[in-house]
Protein backbone atom coordinates (compact mmCIF):
# COMPACT_ATOMS: atom_id res chain seq x y z
CA MET A 1 85.30 319.94 -14.59
CA SER A 2 81.69 320.91 -13.83
CA GLU A 3 79.39 322.45 -16.39
CA VAL A 4 78.45 326.09 -15.86
CA GLY A 5 74.79 326.95 -16.34
CA PRO A 6 71.64 328.03 -14.60
CA PRO A 7 70.73 326.24 -11.40
CA ASP A 8 68.22 323.41 -11.62
CA VAL A 9 65.04 325.00 -10.30
CA GLY A 10 62.68 322.19 -11.29
CA PRO A 11 59.19 322.45 -12.71
CA PRO A 12 56.90 325.26 -11.60
CA ASP A 13 54.48 324.47 -8.81
CA SER A 14 51.46 325.51 -10.84
CA GLU A 15 50.40 327.99 -13.47
CA PHE A 16 49.18 330.58 -10.96
CA GLY A 17 51.55 330.09 -8.05
CA PRO A 18 52.36 327.54 -5.44
CA PRO A 19 49.66 324.99 -4.64
CA ASP A 20 49.17 326.36 -1.14
CA PHE A 21 48.11 329.80 -2.42
CA LYS A 22 44.90 330.97 -0.79
CA SER A 23 43.15 334.26 -1.31
CA THR A 24 43.07 336.47 1.75
CA ASP A 25 40.30 338.71 0.38
CA THR A 26 37.23 339.27 2.43
CA ALA A 27 33.79 338.78 0.91
CA ALA A 28 33.42 342.55 0.57
CA GLN A 29 36.72 342.84 -1.30
CA ALA A 30 35.78 340.00 -3.65
CA LYS A 31 32.39 341.60 -4.35
CA ALA A 32 34.01 344.99 -4.98
CA ARG A 33 36.53 343.41 -7.37
CA ARG A 34 33.72 341.65 -9.24
CA TRP A 35 31.74 344.86 -9.68
CA ARG A 36 34.88 346.72 -10.73
CA SER A 37 35.56 344.06 -13.37
CA ILE A 38 31.98 344.31 -14.63
CA ALA A 39 32.25 348.11 -14.83
CA ILE A 40 35.48 347.88 -16.83
CA ALA A 41 33.91 345.35 -19.21
CA VAL A 42 30.84 347.56 -19.75
CA ALA A 43 33.02 350.64 -20.31
CA LEU A 44 35.13 348.76 -22.85
CA GLY A 45 32.00 347.55 -24.65
CA VAL A 46 30.57 351.08 -24.79
CA PHE A 47 33.89 352.37 -26.14
CA VAL A 48 33.97 349.75 -28.91
CA ILE A 49 30.38 350.55 -29.91
CA LEU A 50 31.13 354.29 -29.87
CA VAL A 51 34.19 353.83 -32.12
CA PHE A 52 32.10 351.69 -34.51
CA ILE A 53 29.31 354.31 -34.69
CA VAL A 54 31.75 357.19 -35.22
CA THR A 55 33.56 355.22 -37.94
CA ILE A 56 30.32 354.47 -39.78
CA ALA A 57 29.15 358.09 -39.43
CA ARG A 58 32.42 359.45 -40.83
CA MET A 59 32.40 357.04 -43.79
CA LYS A 60 28.79 357.93 -44.63
CA GLY A 61 28.24 356.62 -48.17
CA HIS A 62 31.87 356.61 -49.23
CA VAL A 63 32.42 352.90 -48.68
CA ALA A 64 32.13 352.21 -52.44
CA ASP A 65 34.41 355.14 -53.38
CA ILE A 66 37.62 353.11 -53.22
CA GLY A 67 40.05 354.44 -55.80
CA PHE A 68 41.89 351.64 -57.53
């Protein structure tokens, strides 16, 4: 009697896809993606700094006022 189980698919070709994967982006698309990634990183950095500043401003001098 044969054992029932998942088919043997073997090891993956690579972490990011088959070894014959090639990007079909043009130079303009790659440049646009790079600038978009930079813009997202800058926006995220500004957001983190803004949250930090607002948090500090709202705490004012009450950091030592922890009620135990």
